[in-house]
Amino acid sequence: MPYKHAAHIDAIFGQIIVKHRTHAGLDQAALADRLNLHQPALSRLERGESPANMSMLVRLSVALGVPAARLITEFEAALVKLRSEDIKVASKKELSKDSSGLALALLGGAALAFLISR
């Protein structure tokens, strides 16, 4: 199936972090401090440039006051929603090796956040 747009998995999770961070009234510096991270590292995580591992998921859960299961459930729901909109969801590596030969337009952070929030 040809896709016009794509989103990579790490960026989807990053937007979920942004949503919860802003809902908690935290800026990046405050959340980074709670996570014992430098602010640029959190920024990379939110933009999807760095993947979150299980340890980071737990740390985010505690720092945001949101159960890890809820973060995972929201991530899974976002995947379903994006796929239902015919948006290809894959890893950055998979997207860079797109076998269709078509250039996919990657969704920007704002567009991704909009699609996840509706």
N, C-alpha and C. Protein backbone atom coordinates (compact mmCIF):
# COMPACT_ATOMS: atom_id res chain seq x y z
N MET A 1 0.84 -1.18 0.00
CA MET A 1 0.00 0.00 0.00
C MET A 1 0.89 1.24 0.00
N PRO A 2 0.67 2.14 -0.92
CA PRO A 2 1.48 3.36 -0.94
C PRO A 2 1.01 4.33 0.15
N TYR A 3 1.96 4.97 0.78
CA TYR A 3 1.68 5.93 1.83
C TYR A 3 2.18 7.30 1.38
N LYS A 4 1.44 8.33 1.77
CA LYS A 4 1.89 9.69 1.48
C LYS A 4 2.71 10.23 2.65
N HIS A 5 2.38 9.78 3.84
CA HIS A 5 3.03 10.30 5.04
C HIS A 5 3.52 9.16 5.91
N ALA A 6 4.48 9.49 6.74
CA ALA A 6 5.04 8.50 7.65
C ALA A 6 5.38 9.16 8.97
N ALA A 7 5.44 8.35 9.99
CA ALA A 7 5.87 8.81 11.31
C ALA A 7 6.74 7.72 11.89
N HIS A 8 7.79 8.12 12.57
CA HIS A 8 8.60 7.08 13.17
C HIS A 8 8.20 6.88 14.63
N ILE A 9 8.35 5.67 15.07
CA ILE A 9 7.86 5.22 16.36
C ILE A 9 8.37 6.08 17.51
N ASP A 10 9.64 6.43 17.49
CA ASP A 10 10.21 7.21 18.59
C ASP A 10 9.57 8.59 18.68
N ALA A 11 9.22 9.18 17.54
CA ALA A 11 8.58 10.49 17.53
C ALA A 11 7.17 10.42 18.11
N ILE A 12 6.49 9.31 17.89
CA ILE A 12 5.15 9.13 18.44
C ILE A 12 5.22 9.11 19.96
N PHE A 13 6.13 8.32 20.51
CA PHE A 13 6.26 8.27 21.96
C PHE A 13 6.71 9.63 22.51
N GLY A 14 7.57 10.31 21.77
CA GLY A 14 8.02 11.63 22.20
C GLY A 14 6.87 12.61 22.35
N GLN A 15 5.91 12.56 21.43
CA GLN A 15 4.76 13.46 21.52
C GLN A 15 3.86 13.12 22.71
N ILE A 16 3.83 11.87 23.09
CA ILE A 16 3.07 11.48 24.28
C ILE A 16 3.74 12.06 25.53
N ILE A 17 5.06 12.05 25.55
CA ILE A 17 5.80 12.66 26.66
C ILE A 17 5.50 14.15 26.71
N VAL A 18 5.54 14.83 25.57
CA VAL A 18 5.25 16.26 25.52
C VAL A 18 3.85 16.54 26.07
N LYS A 19 2.89 15.74 25.64
CA LYS A 19 1.50 15.93 26.10
C LYS A 19 1.41 15.86 27.62
N HIS A 20 2.03 14.84 28.20
CA HIS A 20 1.95 14.69 29.66
C HIS A 20 2.78 15.75 30.39
N ARG A 21 3.90 16.12 29.81
CA ARG A 21 4.74 17.16 30.43
C ARG A 21 3.98 18.48 30.50
N THR A 22 3.36 18.86 29.39
CA THR A 22 2.63 20.13 29.38
C THR A 22 1.38 20.06 30.26
N HIS A 23 0.73 18.91 30.28
CA HIS A 23 -0.45 18.74 31.15
C HIS A 23 -0.04 18.89 32.62
N ALA A 24 1.16 18.45 32.95
CA ALA A 24 1.65 18.56 34.33
C ALA A 24 2.18 19.97 34.63
N GLY A 25 2.19 20.84 33.62
CA GLY A 25 2.66 22.20 33.82
C GLY A 25 4.17 22.31 33.95
N LEU A 26 4.88 21.37 33.34
CA LEU A 26 6.34 21.36 33.41
C LEU A 26 6.95 21.83 32.10
N ASP A 27 8.03 22.56 32.19
CA ASP A 27 8.80 22.83 30.98
C ASP A 27 9.86 21.73 30.85
N GLN A 28 10.59 21.74 29.75
CA GLN A 28 11.59 20.70 29.53
C GLN A 28 12.64 20.68 30.64
N ALA A 29 13.06 21.85 31.08
CA ALA A 29 14.11 21.91 32.10
C ALA A 29 13.65 21.25 33.41
N ALA A 30 12.40 21.50 33.79
CA ALA A 30 11.88 20.94 35.04
C ALA A 30 11.77 19.41 34.95
N LEU A 31 11.26 18.92 33.82
CA LEU A 31 11.14 17.47 33.67
C LEU A 31 12.52 16.84 33.57
N ALA A 32 13.42 17.47 32.84
CA ALA A 32 14.78 16.94 32.74
C ALA A 32 15.42 16.85 34.12
N ASP A 33 15.19 17.85 34.95
CA ASP A 33 15.72 17.83 36.31
C ASP A 33 15.15 16.65 37.10
N ARG A 34 13.85 16.42 36.98
CA ARG A 34 13.22 15.28 37.67
C ARG A 34 13.78 13.94 37.19
N LEU A 35 14.18 13.90 35.92
CA LEU A 35 14.71 12.67 35.33
C LEU A 35 16.22 12.54 35.50
N ASN A 36 16.83 13.58 36.05
CA ASN A 36 18.29 13.65 36.19
C ASN A 36 18.96 13.55 34.81
N LEU A 37 18.39 14.31 33.87
CA LEU A 37 18.91 14.39 32.50
C LEU A 37 19.27 15.84 32.20
N HIS A 38 20.09 16.02 31.20
CA HIS A 38 20.31 17.37 30.67
C HIS A 38 19.12 17.68 29.77
N GLN A 39 18.72 18.93 29.73
CA GLN A 39 17.57 19.35 28.94
C GLN A 39 17.70 18.95 27.47
N PRO A 40 18.88 19.08 26.83
CA PRO A 40 18.98 18.65 25.42
C PRO A 40 18.68 17.16 25.23
N ALA A 41 19.01 16.34 26.21
CA ALA A 41 18.71 14.90 26.10
C ALA A 41 17.20 14.67 26.11
N LEU A 42 16.49 15.40 26.97
CA LEU A 42 15.03 15.28 26.99
C LEU A 42 14.44 15.80 25.68
N SER A 43 14.99 16.88 25.17
CA SER A 43 14.52 17.43 23.90
C SER A 43 14.66 16.40 22.78
N ARG A 44 15.78 15.70 22.73
CA ARG A 44 15.98 14.66 21.71
C ARG A 44 14.96 13.53 21.88
N LEU A 45 14.66 13.18 23.12
CA LEU A 45 13.68 12.14 23.40
C LEU A 45 12.30 12.59 22.92
N GLU A 46 11.93 13.82 23.22
CA GLU A 46 10.62 14.33 22.81
C GLU A 46 10.50 14.46 21.29
N ARG A 47 11.57 14.78 20.62
CA ARG A 47 11.54 14.90 19.15
C ARG A 47 11.65 13.54 18.46
N GLY A 48 11.91 12.49 19.22
CA GLY A 48 12.02 11.17 18.64
C GLY A 48 13.39 10.87 18.08
N GLU A 49 14.37 11.70 18.42
CA GLU A 49 15.72 11.47 17.94
C GLU A 49 16.47 10.45 18.80
N SER A 50 15.97 10.23 20.00
CA SER A 50 16.53 9.21 20.91
C SER A 50 15.39 8.31 21.35
N PRO A 51 15.58 7.01 21.32
CA PRO A 51 14.51 6.12 21.77
C PRO A 51 14.47 6.01 23.29
N ALA A 52 13.31 5.70 23.80
CA ALA A 52 13.15 5.47 25.24
C ALA A 52 13.26 3.97 25.49
N ASN A 53 14.04 3.60 26.48
CA ASN A 53 14.12 2.19 26.87
C ASN A 53 13.22 1.97 28.08
N MET A 54 13.18 0.75 28.59
CA MET A 54 12.30 0.41 29.70
C MET A 54 12.64 1.23 30.95
N SER A 55 13.90 1.43 31.20
CA SER A 55 14.31 2.22 32.35
C SER A 55 13.78 3.64 32.24
N MET A 56 13.89 4.23 31.06
CA MET A 56 13.40 5.59 30.85
C MET A 56 11.88 5.64 30.97
N LEU A 57 11.19 4.62 30.49
CA LEU A 57 9.74 4.56 30.62
C LEU A 57 9.33 4.63 32.08
N VAL A 58 10.00 3.86 32.92
CA VAL A 58 9.68 3.86 34.35
C VAL A 58 10.01 5.22 34.96
N ARG A 59 11.15 5.78 34.62
CA ARG A 59 11.54 7.10 35.15
C ARG A 59 10.54 8.17 34.72
N LEU A 60 10.11 8.14 33.46
CA LEU A 60 9.12 9.09 32.98
C LEU A 60 7.80 8.93 33.72
N SER A 61 7.40 7.70 33.94
CA SER A 61 6.17 7.42 34.65
C SER A 61 6.18 8.06 36.04
N VAL A 62 7.27 7.88 36.75
CA VAL A 62 7.39 8.45 38.09
C VAL A 62 7.44 9.98 38.03
N ALA A 63 8.25 10.51 37.15
CA ALA A 63 8.44 11.96 37.05
C ALA A 63 7.16 12.68 36.63
N LEU A 64 6.36 12.04 35.78
CA LEU A 64 5.13 12.66 35.30
C LEU A 64 3.92 12.30 36.15
N GLY A 65 4.07 11.33 37.05
CA GLY A 65 2.94 10.89 37.87
C GLY A 65 1.88 10.17 37.07
N VAL A 66 2.33 9.45 36.05
CA VAL A 66 1.43 8.72 35.16
C VAL A 66 1.88 7.26 35.14
N PRO A 67 0.96 6.32 35.37
CA PRO A 67 1.37 4.91 35.33
C PRO A 67 2.01 4.54 33.99
N ALA A 68 3.05 3.74 34.04
CA ALA A 68 3.73 3.30 32.82
C ALA A 68 2.75 2.61 31.88
N ALA A 69 1.83 1.85 32.43
CA ALA A 69 0.83 1.16 31.60
C ALA A 69 0.00 2.16 30.80
N ARG A 70 -0.29 3.31 31.40
CA ARG A 70 -1.06 4.33 30.68
C ARG A 70 -0.25 4.91 29.52
N LEU A 71 1.04 5.16 29.74
CA LEU A 71 1.89 5.66 28.65
C LEU A 71 1.93 4.67 27.50
N ILE A 72 2.04 3.40 27.84
CA ILE A 72 2.08 2.35 26.81
C ILE A 72 0.74 2.26 26.09
N THR A 73 -0.35 2.31 26.83
CA THR A 73 -1.68 2.25 26.22
C THR A 73 -1.91 3.41 25.27
N GLU A 74 -1.49 4.62 25.68
CA GLU A 74 -1.64 5.79 24.81
C GLU A 74 -0.78 5.64 23.56
N PHE A 75 0.40 5.10 23.72
CA PHE A 75 1.29 4.87 22.59
C PHE A 75 0.62 3.90 21.60
N GLU A 76 0.09 2.80 22.11
CA GLU A 76 -0.57 1.82 21.25
C GLU A 76 -1.79 2.43 20.56
N ALA A 77 -2.56 3.22 21.28
CA ALA A 77 -3.74 3.88 20.69
C ALA A 77 -3.32 4.85 19.58
N ALA A 78 -2.21 5.56 19.80
CA ALA A 78 -1.70 6.49 18.78
C ALA A 78 -1.29 5.73 17.53
N LEU A 79 -0.64 4.57 17.71
CA LEU A 79 -0.25 3.75 16.55
C LEU A 79 -1.48 3.35 15.74
N VAL A 80 -2.51 2.88 16.42
CA VAL A 80 -3.74 2.46 15.74
C VAL A 80 -4.37 3.64 15.00
N LYS A 81 -4.43 4.80 15.66
CA LYS A 81 -5.04 5.98 15.06
C LYS A 81 -4.28 6.42 13.81
N LEU A 82 -2.96 6.48 13.91
CA LEU A 82 -2.16 6.90 12.75
C LEU A 82 -2.29 5.91 11.60
N ARG A 83 -2.25 4.64 11.90
CA ARG A 83 -2.39 3.63 10.84
C ARG A 83 -3.77 3.71 10.20
N SER A 84 -4.80 4.03 10.98
CA SER A 84 -6.14 4.15 10.42
C SER A 84 -6.25 5.35 9.47
N GLU A 85 -5.33 6.30 9.62
CA GLU A 85 -5.28 7.48 8.73
C GLU A 85 -4.33 7.23 7.56
N ASP A 86 -3.96 5.97 7.34
CA ASP A 86 -3.04 5.57 6.27
C ASP A 86 -1.68 6.24 6.37
N ILE A 87 -1.21 6.37 7.60
CA ILE A 87 0.12 6.91 7.85
C ILE A 87 1.02 5.73 8.21
N LYS A 88 2.10 5.60 7.47
CA LYS A 88 3.03 4.51 7.73
C LYS A 88 3.76 4.79 9.03
N VAL A 89 3.79 3.81 9.91
CA VAL A 89 4.47 3.93 11.19
C VAL A 89 5.57 2.88 11.22
N ALA A 90 6.80 3.33 11.40
CA ALA A 90 7.93 2.41 11.37
C ALA A 90 9.11 3.04 12.09
N SER A 91 10.16 2.26 12.21
CA SER A 91 11.39 2.80 12.79
C SER A 91 12.05 3.73 11.78
N LYS A 92 12.95 4.58 12.26
CA LYS A 92 13.67 5.48 11.35
C LYS A 92 14.43 4.66 10.30
N LYS A 93 14.99 3.56 10.72
CA LYS A 93 15.76 2.72 9.79
C LYS A 93 14.86 2.17 8.70
N GLU A 94 13.69 1.68 9.10
CA GLU A 94 12.76 1.15 8.10
C GLU A 94 12.30 2.24 7.14
N LEU A 95 12.05 3.43 7.66
CA LEU A 95 11.59 4.52 6.81
C LEU A 95 12.68 4.96 5.83
N SER A 96 13.93 4.90 6.27
CA SER A 96 15.02 5.30 5.38
C SER A 96 15.25 4.27 4.28
N LYS A 97 14.82 3.04 4.50
CA LYS A 97 14.98 1.99 3.49
C LYS A 97 13.64 1.68 2.81
N ASP A 98 12.75 2.66 2.73
CA ASP A 98 11.44 2.45 2.15
C ASP A 98 11.56 1.79 0.79
N SER A 99 10.99 0.60 0.68
CA SER A 99 11.14 -0.18 -0.54
C SER A 99 10.22 0.27 -1.67
N SER A 100 9.27 1.13 -1.37
CA SER A 100 8.33 1.54 -2.43
C SER A 100 8.99 2.47 -3.44
N GLY A 101 10.13 3.04 -3.09
CA GLY A 101 10.79 3.96 -3.99
C GLY A 101 10.18 5.35 -3.95
N LEU A 102 9.13 5.53 -3.18
CA LEU A 102 8.49 6.83 -3.08
C LEU A 102 9.06 7.59 -1.89
N ALA A 103 9.23 8.84 -2.07
CA ALA A 103 9.69 9.67 -0.96
C ALA A 103 8.49 9.92 -0.06
N LEU A 104 8.60 9.50 1.18
CA LEU A 104 7.52 9.72 2.13
C LEU A 104 7.77 11.03 2.86
N ALA A 105 6.73 11.76 3.05
CA ALA A 105 6.84 13.00 3.83
C ALA A 105 6.68 12.64 5.30
N LEU A 106 7.71 12.88 6.08
CA LEU A 106 7.62 12.61 7.51
C LEU A 106 6.77 13.68 8.16
N LEU A 107 5.91 13.24 9.05
CA LEU A 107 5.06 14.18 9.76
C LEU A 107 5.90 14.97 10.75
N GLY A 108 5.69 16.24 10.79
CA GLY A 108 6.36 17.08 11.77
C GLY A 108 5.76 16.90 13.14
N GLY A 109 6.45 17.38 14.15
CA GLY A 109 6.00 17.24 15.53
C GLY A 109 4.61 17.81 15.76
N ALA A 110 4.33 18.97 15.21
CA ALA A 110 3.02 19.60 15.42
C ALA A 110 1.91 18.78 14.77
N ALA A 111 2.16 18.29 13.55
CA ALA A 111 1.16 17.49 12.87
C ALA A 111 0.93 16.17 13.60
N LEU A 112 2.01 15.58 14.06
CA LEU A 112 1.91 14.33 14.79
C LEU A 112 1.13 14.53 16.09
N ALA A 113 1.44 15.59 16.80
CA ALA A 113 0.74 15.89 18.06
C ALA A 113 -0.75 16.09 17.80
N PHE A 114 -1.08 16.79 16.72
CA PHE A 114 -2.48 17.02 16.37
C PHE A 114 -3.19 15.70 16.11
N LEU A 115 -2.57 14.82 15.33
CA LEU A 115 -3.22 13.55 15.01
C LEU A 115 -3.37 12.68 16.24
N ILE A 116 -2.38 12.70 17.12
CA ILE A 116 -2.46 11.88 18.33
C ILE A 116 -3.53 12.40 19.27
N SER A 117 -3.70 13.72 19.33
CA SER A 117 -4.62 14.32 20.31
C SER A 117 -6.09 14.24 19.89
N ARG A 118 -6.37 13.98 18.62
CA ARG A 118 -7.78 13.99 18.23
C ARG A 118 -8.46 12.67 18.49
